[in-house]
Amino acid sequence: MLEDLRTGNKHVGVKQTLKAVENDRAKVVYLARDAEERVIAKLRDLCIQKSVEIIYVDTMAKLGKACGVEVGSAAACLLK
């Protein structure tokens, strides 16, 4: 499923992903397991509340690479 992040319509980063979930535009959210809890807690809780699927990725570096960015990312989402 990480392949979808490279080619699909997406948002990368916690702030952009949070806005997409708030606006019911996120189909699936990817969270890095090594991201700080305080950074992703609000996003994860909102995904659970809105029944948005969460897929966990091992590291921020792996998630960033899957998104085609050169830095790590704590969160990303595919858009509807």
Protein backbone atom coordinates (compact mmCIF):
# COMPACT_ATOMS: atom_id res chain seq x y z
CA MET A 1 0.00 0.00 0.00
CA LEU A 2 2.95 2.35 0.41
CA GLU A 3 3.28 2.38 -3.38
CA ASP A 4 -0.02 4.29 -3.54
CA LEU A 5 1.64 7.20 -1.73
CA ARG A 6 4.16 7.78 -4.49
CA THR A 7 1.62 8.10 -7.29
CA GLY A 8 -1.68 8.88 -5.57
CA ASN A 9 -3.23 12.22 -4.61
CA LYS A 10 -1.89 12.80 -1.10
CA HIS A 11 -1.01 15.17 1.69
CA VAL A 12 2.27 14.80 3.57
CA GLY A 13 2.84 16.02 7.11
CA VAL A 14 0.78 16.09 10.28
CA LYS A 15 -0.83 19.51 9.73
CA GLN A 16 -1.96 18.85 6.15
CA THR A 17 -3.13 15.34 7.03
CA LEU A 18 -5.07 16.63 10.03
CA LYS A 19 -6.86 19.20 7.85
CA ALA A 20 -7.75 16.50 5.31
CA VAL A 21 -9.25 14.29 8.03
CA GLU A 22 -11.14 17.22 9.57
CA ASN A 23 -12.62 18.03 6.14
CA ASP A 24 -13.51 14.37 5.42
CA ARG A 25 -11.10 14.26 2.46
CA ALA A 26 -8.76 11.51 3.74
CA LYS A 27 -9.31 7.95 2.55
CA VAL A 28 -6.47 6.37 4.55
CA VAL A 29 -3.90 7.82 6.96
CA TYR A 30 -0.33 6.59 7.37
CA LEU A 31 1.43 7.16 10.71
CA ALA A 32 5.08 6.50 11.52
CA ARG A 33 5.59 4.27 14.56
CA ASP A 34 8.70 6.21 15.60
CA ALA A 35 6.97 9.61 15.56
CA GLU A 36 6.60 11.34 18.89
CA GLU A 37 3.28 10.59 20.58
CA ARG A 38 2.57 14.27 21.23
CA VAL A 39 2.91 14.97 17.50
CA ILE A 40 0.48 12.34 16.20
CA ALA A 41 -1.94 11.83 19.11
CA LYS A 42 -4.57 14.35 17.99
CA LEU A 43 -4.47 13.06 14.42
CA ARG A 44 -4.75 9.41 15.48
CA ASP A 45 -7.67 10.18 17.82
CA LEU A 46 -9.50 12.10 15.09
CA CYS A 47 -9.01 9.21 12.65
CA ILE A 48 -10.52 6.81 15.17
CA GLN A 49 -13.42 9.18 15.81
CA LYS A 50 -14.13 9.59 12.08
CA SER A 51 -13.46 5.92 11.24
CA VAL A 52 -10.57 6.70 8.89
CA GLU A 53 -8.30 3.71 8.29
CA ILE A 54 -4.83 4.02 9.87
CA ILE A 55 -1.82 2.18 8.49
CA TYR A 56 1.33 2.21 10.59
CA VAL A 57 4.74 2.50 8.92
CA ASP A 58 7.92 1.46 10.78
CA THR A 59 9.83 4.74 10.53
CA MET A 60 9.41 8.38 9.59
CA ALA A 61 12.22 7.96 7.06
CA LYS A 62 10.41 5.07 5.35
CA LEU A 63 7.15 7.04 5.23
CA GLY A 64 8.89 10.13 3.82
CA LYS A 65 10.62 8.04 1.17
CA ALA A 66 7.33 6.38 0.20
CA CYS A 67 5.84 9.85 -0.26
CA GLY A 68 8.71 10.91 -2.49
CA VAL A 69 10.16 13.49 -0.09
CA GLU A 70 13.75 13.61 1.07
CA VAL A 71 12.93 14.05 4.77
CA GLY A 72 11.07 11.86 7.22
CA SER A 73 7.38 12.33 7.78
CA ALA A 74 5.30 11.51 10.86
CA ALA A 75 2.06 11.32 8.86
CA ALA A 76 0.60 11.27 5.38
CA CYS A 77 -2.74 10.49 3.82
CA LEU A 78 -4.29 9.46 0.54
CA LEU A 79 -7.15 11.67 -0.51
CA LYS A 80 -10.58 10.49 -1.62
